[in-house]
Amino acid sequence: MGYQLKNKVRLSEIAKNLYLDFKGVDVLIEGVSPISTCKSGDISFTNNLIEGLCNIALVVPNDSLIPKYGMCGYLFSDNPRLDFIRILSYLQSSIGFSTYEFSSEIHPTVKLGKNVVIEDGCYIAENVIIEHNVVIHSGTIIGKNSRIRSCSSIGGDGFGFERLANGEPLRFPHLGAVIIGDNVEVGSCTTLARGTLSNTVIEDFVKIDNLVHIAHNCLIKKGAFIIACAEISGGVTIGENAWIAPNSCTHQKISIGDNSVVGLGAVVTKNVDADVTVAGNPARPLIKR
């Protein structure tokens, strides 16, 4: 997955403007992407040795990350993630991204309430119902027969910041999308944040109650139920048919297994296996007696 720039820019120009050391090929940058899907003309960052890449640009910590083969460009940084965020901010403000610059496609059977905002770059399938005062941000895809209840926000930026050396917070630009499957319901006053460099995905038949927050890069698998006032932190995976009870919350980047239950008000800090019920703070499996 890559995100395209409105105009191409040389790696050397990025290095000059952000005061980064540059080495290797002066790649003509066309877009950005996660390292796992980097293609020719993309820029990304990594802390791990990468072999066999060609004509891409990487932000890396030192020379040891430069492979023996492959014609690439490199920017050196003590904190590759931070400087990659700086690069994204620079590209967004000085050039901009064109990934979602097309008129939204809305099926004629879609029912829209009053004061609904649908930005460019969205796809909304047949028989979707979007109630009053909903905001659908660019890049959002909503599958058929789904329903978005009043006053929800779908596809806005998540809460992602990194501090500069002087302590000033720098926002991580979110370039991903929210992809909602078929027969999904999203409750009132609920927020689904777009991904950073990948997507937030809500699979078919998921049911989300009112006042729920689902952060960037989450994967909510088929048939999961997420009940009122639950909070799902960034990068969390919720398994198929899982039940997430009211007022529960999760630590980031954990997984909750298929058919599992997270109890009322639970604080989940570790992975939860399939077919397990957890409760408490911190959440622990309930022992059957």
Protein backbone atom coordinates (compact mmCIF):
# COMPACT_ATOMS: atom_id res chain seq x y z
CA MET A 1 0.00 0.00 0.00
CA GLY A 2 1.40 3.38 -1.01
CA TYR A 3 0.21 6.97 -0.77
CA GLN A 4 0.91 9.12 -3.80
CA LEU A 5 2.30 12.65 -3.75
CA LYS A 6 0.84 15.39 -5.94
CA ASN A 7 4.33 16.05 -7.31
CA LYS A 8 7.57 14.10 -7.25
CA VAL A 9 10.51 15.26 -5.15
CA ARG A 10 14.17 14.26 -5.00
CA LEU A 11 15.47 12.59 -1.85
CA SER A 12 18.30 15.13 -1.73
CA GLU A 13 15.76 17.95 -1.46
CA ILE A 14 14.08 16.26 1.51
CA ALA A 15 17.48 15.77 3.15
CA LYS A 16 18.39 19.43 2.61
CA ASN A 17 15.15 20.81 4.01
CA LEU A 18 15.13 18.56 7.08
CA TYR A 19 18.90 18.65 7.76
CA LEU A 20 19.37 14.91 7.41
CA ASP A 21 22.47 13.08 6.19
CA PHE A 22 21.95 11.60 2.74
CA LYS A 23 23.75 8.69 1.05
CA GLY A 24 23.19 6.49 -1.98
CA VAL A 25 20.90 7.06 -4.96
CA ASP A 26 19.07 10.38 -5.21
CA VAL A 27 15.70 8.63 -5.59
CA LEU A 28 12.82 10.51 -7.18
CA ILE A 29 10.14 10.14 -4.50
CA GLU A 30 6.57 9.58 -5.72
CA GLY A 31 4.91 8.38 -2.53
CA VAL A 32 5.27 6.89 0.95
CA SER A 33 4.45 3.44 2.28
CA PRO A 34 5.16 0.96 5.09
CA ILE A 35 8.42 -0.90 4.59
CA SER A 36 6.47 -4.14 4.08
CA THR A 37 4.89 -2.84 0.87
CA CYS A 38 7.55 -0.42 -0.39
CA LYS A 39 7.78 -0.15 -4.16
CA SER A 40 9.98 1.81 -6.56
CA GLY A 41 9.81 5.53 -5.84
CA ASP A 42 8.50 5.16 -2.27
CA ILE A 43 10.05 6.34 0.99
CA SER A 44 9.75 4.50 4.29
CA PHE A 45 11.70 3.85 7.50
CA THR A 46 13.15 0.79 9.20
CA ASN A 47 15.31 -0.34 12.10
CA ASN A 48 15.92 -3.77 10.58
CA LEU A 49 18.29 -4.96 7.86
CA ILE A 50 16.58 -5.02 4.47
CA GLU A 51 18.00 -6.91 1.49
CA GLY A 52 17.07 -6.84 -2.17
CA LEU A 53 15.32 -3.47 -2.32
CA CYS A 54 15.88 -1.18 -5.29
CA ASN A 55 15.08 2.45 -6.14
CA ILE A 56 13.39 3.26 -2.85
CA ALA A 57 14.38 5.62 -0.04
CA LEU A 58 14.75 4.61 3.58
CA VAL A 59 15.27 6.44 6.83
CA VAL A 60 17.70 4.25 8.81
CA PRO A 61 19.76 4.60 12.01
CA ASN A 62 23.23 3.87 10.57
CA ASP A 63 25.32 2.34 7.77
CA SER A 64 24.71 -1.20 9.03
CA LEU A 65 21.20 -1.02 7.60
CA ILE A 66 22.47 -0.50 4.06
CA PRO A 67 22.29 -3.81 2.15
CA LYS A 68 25.20 -4.98 0.03
CA TYR A 69 23.01 -5.08 -3.06
CA GLY A 70 20.21 -2.85 -4.25
CA MET A 71 20.36 0.73 -5.49
CA CYS A 72 18.54 2.80 -2.89
CA GLY A 73 18.76 6.14 -1.17
CA TYR A 74 19.26 6.54 2.59
CA LEU A 75 18.66 9.21 5.19
CA PHE A 76 20.40 8.66 8.52
CA SER A 77 18.67 9.34 11.81
CA ASP A 78 19.09 8.45 15.48
CA ASN A 79 15.30 8.17 15.59
CA PRO A 80 14.04 6.91 12.20
CA ARG A 81 10.37 6.94 13.23
CA LEU A 82 10.51 10.54 14.41
CA ASP A 83 12.34 11.74 11.31
CA PHE A 84 9.98 9.81 9.08
CA ILE A 85 7.10 11.66 10.74
CA ARG A 86 9.00 14.91 10.09
CA ILE A 87 9.30 13.89 6.45
CA LEU A 88 5.58 13.10 6.21
CA SER A 89 4.71 16.47 7.73
CA TYR A 90 7.04 18.22 5.31
CA LEU A 91 5.62 16.37 2.30
CA GLN A 92 2.04 16.97 3.41
CA SER A 93 2.54 20.71 3.91
CA SER A 94 4.82 21.45 0.95
CA ILE A 95 3.50 19.04 -1.72
CA GLY A 96 0.41 17.18 -0.51
CA PHE A 97 -0.97 13.73 -1.25
CA SER A 98 -3.34 12.87 -4.09
CA THR A 99 -4.46 9.39 -2.96
CA TYR A 100 -8.07 10.34 -2.26
CA GLU A 101 -8.52 13.19 -4.75
CA PHE A 102 -11.57 11.90 -6.58
CA SER A 103 -15.28 12.49 -6.21
CA SER A 104 -16.89 10.12 -3.75
CA GLU A 105 -18.93 7.28 -5.22
CA ILE A 106 -22.26 6.97 -3.41
CA HIS A 107 -24.73 4.31 -4.53
CA PRO A 108 -28.17 5.75 -5.39
CA THR A 109 -29.83 3.54 -2.77
CA VAL A 110 -27.86 5.17 0.08
CA LYS A 111 -30.05 7.07 2.56
CA LEU A 112 -28.52 10.23 4.01
CA GLY A 113 -29.77 12.13 7.04
CA LYS A 114 -29.55 15.87 7.58
CA ASN A 115 -26.19 17.65 7.86
CA VAL A 116 -24.16 14.64 6.68
CA VAL A 117 -20.65 15.49 5.44
CA ILE A 118 -18.98 13.12 2.98
CA GLU A 119 -15.52 14.20 1.87
CA ASP A 120 -13.89 13.27 -1.46
CA GLY A 121 -12.34 9.88 -1.99
CA CYS A 122 -15.04 7.70 -0.40
CA TYR A 123 -16.97 4.65 -1.61
CA ILE A 124 -20.41 3.97 -0.12
CA ALA A 125 -22.20 0.85 -1.28
CA GLU A 126 -25.88 0.02 -1.75
CA ASN A 127 -28.49 0.26 0.98
CA VAL A 128 -26.22 2.05 3.45
CA ILE A 129 -28.00 4.33 5.95
CA ILE A 130 -26.11 7.35 7.28
CA GLU A 131 -28.03 9.23 9.93
CA HIS A 132 -27.99 12.94 10.85
CA ASN A 133 -24.80 14.90 11.56
CA VAL A 134 -22.34 12.16 10.56
CA VAL A 135 -18.91 13.07 9.13
CA ILE A 136 -17.34 10.62 6.65
CA HIS A 137 -13.72 11.59 6.00
CA SER A 138 -11.81 10.97 2.78
CA GLY A 139 -10.67 7.44 2.04
CA THR A 140 -13.56 5.75 3.85
CA ILE A 141 -15.19 2.67 2.32
CA ILE A 142 -18.58 1.50 3.64
CA GLY A 143 -19.98 -1.87 2.52
CA LYS A 144 -23.55 -2.68 1.62
CA ASN A 145 -26.41 -2.75 4.13
CA SER A 146 -24.35 -0.98 6.79
CA ARG A 147 -25.62 1.77 9.08
CA ILE A 148 -23.85 4.74 10.65
CA ARG A 149 -25.84 6.28 13.51
CA SER A 150 -26.11 10.00 14.29
CA CYS A 151 -23.17 12.23 15.19
CA SER A 152 -20.41 9.69 14.47
CA SER A 153 -17.02 10.50 12.92
CA ILE A 154 -15.59 7.97 10.47
CA GLY A 155 -12.06 8.22 9.08
CA GLY A 156 -10.64 11.24 10.87
CA ASP A 157 -7.03 11.32 12.06
CA GLY A 158 -6.18 9.32 15.16
CA PHE A 159 -4.19 10.51 18.15
CA GLY A 160 -0.58 10.07 17.03
CA PHE A 161 2.25 12.32 18.17
CA GLU A 162 6.01 12.16 18.59
CA ARG A 163 8.00 14.72 20.58
CA LEU A 164 10.80 16.69 18.97
CA ALA A 165 14.09 17.19 20.80
CA ASN A 166 12.74 20.40 22.37
CA GLY A 167 9.64 18.61 23.66
CA GLU A 168 7.28 20.05 21.06
CA PRO A 169 4.70 17.46 19.94
CA LEU A 170 4.64 16.64 16.22
CA ARG A 171 1.51 15.07 14.74
CA PHE A 172 1.92 11.82 12.82
CA PRO A 173 0.03 12.43 9.55
CA HIS A 174 -2.56 9.71 9.01
CA LEU A 175 -2.69 8.59 5.37
CA GLY A 176 -4.65 5.36 5.71
CA ALA A 177 -8.38 4.77 5.47
CA VAL A 178 -11.29 3.21 7.33
CA ILE A 179 -12.72 0.18 5.56
CA ILE A 180 -16.13 -0.97 6.80
CA GLY A 181 -17.55 -4.25 5.56
CA ASP A 182 -21.10 -5.36 4.79
CA ASN A 183 -23.93 -5.40 7.36
CA VAL A 184 -21.98 -3.38 9.92
CA GLU A 185 -23.61 -1.03 12.43
CA VAL A 186 -21.76 1.90 14.01
CA GLY A 187 -23.53 3.56 16.95
CA SER A 188 -24.14 7.23 17.70
CA CYS A 189 -21.25 9.48 18.76
CA THR A 190 -18.71 6.81 17.87
CA THR A 191 -15.30 7.51 16.32
CA LEU A 192 -13.38 5.26 13.96
CA ALA A 193 -9.92 6.69 13.28
CA ARG A 194 -8.18 6.20 9.95
CA GLY A 195 -4.92 4.28 9.80
CA THR A 196 -1.48 5.86 9.72
CA LEU A 197 0.29 3.95 6.92
CA SER A 198 -2.26 1.14 6.76
CA ASN A 199 -6.02 0.92 7.22
CA THR A 200 -8.45 0.57 10.09
CA VAL A 201 -10.65 -2.37 9.10
CA ILE A 202 -14.12 -3.29 10.37
CA GLU A 203 -15.16 -6.63 8.89
CA ASP A 204 -18.64 -7.88 7.95
CA PHE A 205 -21.41 -8.14 10.59
CA VAL A 206 -19.51 -6.22 13.27
CA LYS A 207 -21.83 -4.32 15.62
CA ILE A 208 -20.49 -1.24 17.41
CA ASP A 209 -22.57 0.50 20.07
CA ASN A 210 -22.83 4.20 20.96
CA LEU A 211 -19.91 6.20 22.37
CA VAL A 212 -17.19 3.78 21.28
CA HIS A 213 -13.69 4.84 20.23
CA ILE A 214 -11.68 2.67 17.83
CA ALA A 215 -8.19 4.03 17.19
CA HIS A 216 -5.95 3.92 14.11
CA ASN A 217 -4.81 0.65 12.52
CA CYS A 218 -7.28 -1.57 14.39
CA LEU A 219 -8.72 -4.75 12.89
CA ILE A 220 -12.17 -5.72 14.12
CA LYS A 221 -12.94 -9.16 12.74
CA LYS A 222 -16.21 -10.59 11.49
CA GLY A 223 -19.15 -10.61 13.88
CA ALA A 224 -17.45 -8.93 16.85
CA PHE A 225 -19.64 -6.84 19.20
CA ILE A 226 -18.21 -3.72 20.85
CA ILE A 227 -20.52 -2.22 23.44
CA ALA A 228 -21.10 1.33 24.70
CA CYS A 229 -18.15 3.40 25.96
CA ALA A 230 -15.52 0.78 25.10
CA GLU A 231 -12.12 2.10 24.00
CA ILE A 232 -9.93 0.17 21.55
CA SER A 233 -6.39 1.54 21.33
CA GLY A 234 -4.22 1.74 18.22
CA GLY A 235 -3.21 -1.41 16.37
CA VAL A 236 -5.49 -3.76 18.33
CA THR A 237 -7.01 -6.86 16.72
CA ILE A 238 -10.40 -8.06 17.94
CA GLY A 239 -11.20 -11.65 16.96
CA GLU A 240 -14.31 -13.01 15.28
CA ASN A 241 -17.48 -12.98 17.39
CA ALA A 242 -15.65 -11.48 20.36
CA TRP A 243 -17.71 -9.49 22.90
CA ILE A 244 -16.19 -6.29 24.28
CA ALA A 245 -18.28 -5.10 27.23
CA PRO A 246 -19.13 -1.50 28.23
CA ASN A 247 -16.44 0.80 29.63
CA SER A 248 -13.61 -1.64 28.91
CA CYS A 249 -10.33 -0.49 27.38
CA THR A 250 -7.30 -2.06 25.77
CA HIS A 251 -3.59 -1.38 25.58
CA GLN A 252 -2.28 -0.71 22.09
CA LYS A 253 -1.12 -3.45 19.68
CA ILE A 254 -2.62 -6.39 21.52
CA SER A 255 -4.96 -9.08 20.19
CA ILE A 256 -8.19 -10.43 21.60
CA GLY A 257 -9.00 -13.91 20.35
CA ASP A 258 -12.03 -15.30 18.55
CA ASN A 259 -15.16 -15.84 20.69
CA SER A 260 -13.52 -14.21 23.71
CA VAL A 261 -15.31 -11.94 26.21
CA VAL A 262 -13.86 -8.79 27.76
CA GLY A 263 -15.84 -8.04 30.92
CA LEU A 264 -17.48 -4.86 32.14
CA GLY A 265 -14.90 -2.13 32.78
CA ALA A 266 -11.94 -4.45 32.16
CA VAL A 267 -8.49 -2.97 31.46
CA VAL A 268 -6.81 -5.30 28.97
CA THR A 269 -3.01 -4.97 28.95
CA LYS A 270 -2.02 -8.31 27.37
CA ASN A 271 -3.18 -10.60 24.57
CA VAL A 272 -6.34 -12.58 25.24
CA ASP A 273 -6.59 -16.12 23.90
CA ALA A 274 -9.60 -17.39 21.95
CA ASP A 275 -12.64 -18.62 23.89
CA VAL A 276 -11.55 -16.91 27.12
CA THR A 277 -13.42 -14.50 29.40
CA VAL A 278 -11.32 -11.81 31.10
CA ALA A 279 -12.31 -9.24 33.72
CA GLY A 280 -10.79 -6.80 36.18
CA ASN A 281 -7.95 -4.26 36.25
CA PRO A 282 -5.66 -5.52 34.93
CA ALA A 283 -7.86 -8.02 33.12
CA ARG A 284 -7.32 -11.67 34.01
CA PRO A 285 -9.02 -14.87 32.81
CA LEU A 286 -11.96 -15.96 34.92
CA ILE A 287 -11.51 -19.38 36.43
CA LYS A 288 -14.42 -21.78 35.95
CA ARG A 289 -15.58 -23.38 39.19
